[in-house]
Amino acid sequence: MNIVSRFVKDESGATAIEYGLIAALISVGIIAAATTLGNGLANLFSGIGGRLDNAASTI
């Protein structure tokens, strides 16, 4: 019975789980931001490439 009561009162695993959840949320945010930034940069460079193609074809 003493082992069960010590197991119920032990909260060290809960702290590790909380840190794991925080790290997971931060990584999801970083992935979302990187994806959005990557798509924006791809669109920007595509636009620049199109303008360069148009400029080169008029010469």
Protein backbone atom coordinates (compact mmCIF):
# COMPACT_ATOMS: atom_id res chain seq x y z
CA MET A 1 0.00 0.00 0.00
CA ASN A 2 2.91 2.32 0.74
CA ILE A 3 4.28 1.82 -2.79
CA VAL A 4 0.93 2.76 -4.35
CA SER A 5 0.63 5.96 -2.31
CA ARG A 6 4.18 7.02 -3.26
CA PHE A 7 3.42 6.29 -6.92
CA VAL A 8 0.25 8.42 -6.82
CA LYS A 9 2.07 11.34 -5.16
CA ASP A 10 5.06 11.24 -7.55
CA GLU A 11 4.76 14.10 -10.08
CA SER A 12 8.17 13.95 -11.75
CA GLY A 13 6.76 12.25 -14.84
CA ALA A 14 4.09 14.93 -15.21
CA THR A 15 6.76 17.61 -15.50
CA ALA A 16 8.56 15.70 -18.25
CA ILE A 17 5.29 15.26 -20.13
CA GLU A 18 4.54 18.98 -19.84
CA TYR A 19 7.98 19.86 -21.22
CA GLY A 20 7.42 17.41 -24.05
CA LEU A 21 4.07 18.98 -24.92
CA ILE A 22 5.56 22.47 -24.86
CA ALA A 23 8.40 21.36 -27.15
CA ALA A 24 5.89 19.74 -29.52
CA LEU A 25 3.78 22.91 -29.70
CA ILE A 26 6.83 25.05 -30.36
CA SER A 27 7.99 22.71 -33.13
CA VAL A 28 4.54 22.79 -34.75
CA GLY A 29 4.66 26.60 -34.70
CA ILE A 30 8.13 26.63 -36.25
CA ILE A 31 7.05 24.20 -38.98
CA ALA A 32 3.96 26.28 -39.77
CA ALA A 33 5.99 29.49 -39.92
CA ALA A 34 8.68 27.91 -42.11
CA THR A 35 6.06 26.52 -44.50
CA THR A 36 4.34 29.89 -44.81
CA LEU A 37 7.64 31.69 -45.30
CA GLY A 38 8.78 29.12 -47.85
CA ASN A 39 5.59 29.48 -49.89
CA GLY A 40 5.86 33.26 -49.79
CA LEU A 41 9.47 33.16 -50.95
CA ALA A 42 8.62 30.71 -53.72
CA ASN A 43 5.89 33.03 -54.98
CA LEU A 44 8.22 36.04 -54.78
CA PHE A 45 10.99 34.35 -56.76
CA SER A 46 8.50 33.02 -59.31
CA GLY A 47 7.27 36.56 -59.86
CA ILE A 48 10.81 37.87 -60.22
CA GLY A 49 11.66 35.07 -62.65
CA GLY A 50 8.60 35.87 -64.74
CA ARG A 51 9.54 39.53 -64.91
CA LEU A 52 13.08 38.65 -65.94
CA ASP A 53 11.76 36.34 -68.66
CA ASN A 54 9.52 39.11 -69.97
CA ALA A 55 12.38 41.60 -69.88
CA ALA A 56 14.71 39.21 -71.70
CA SER A 57 12.16 38.44 -74.40
CA THR A 58 11.67 42.12 -75.23
CA ILE A 59 15.39 42.67 -75.87
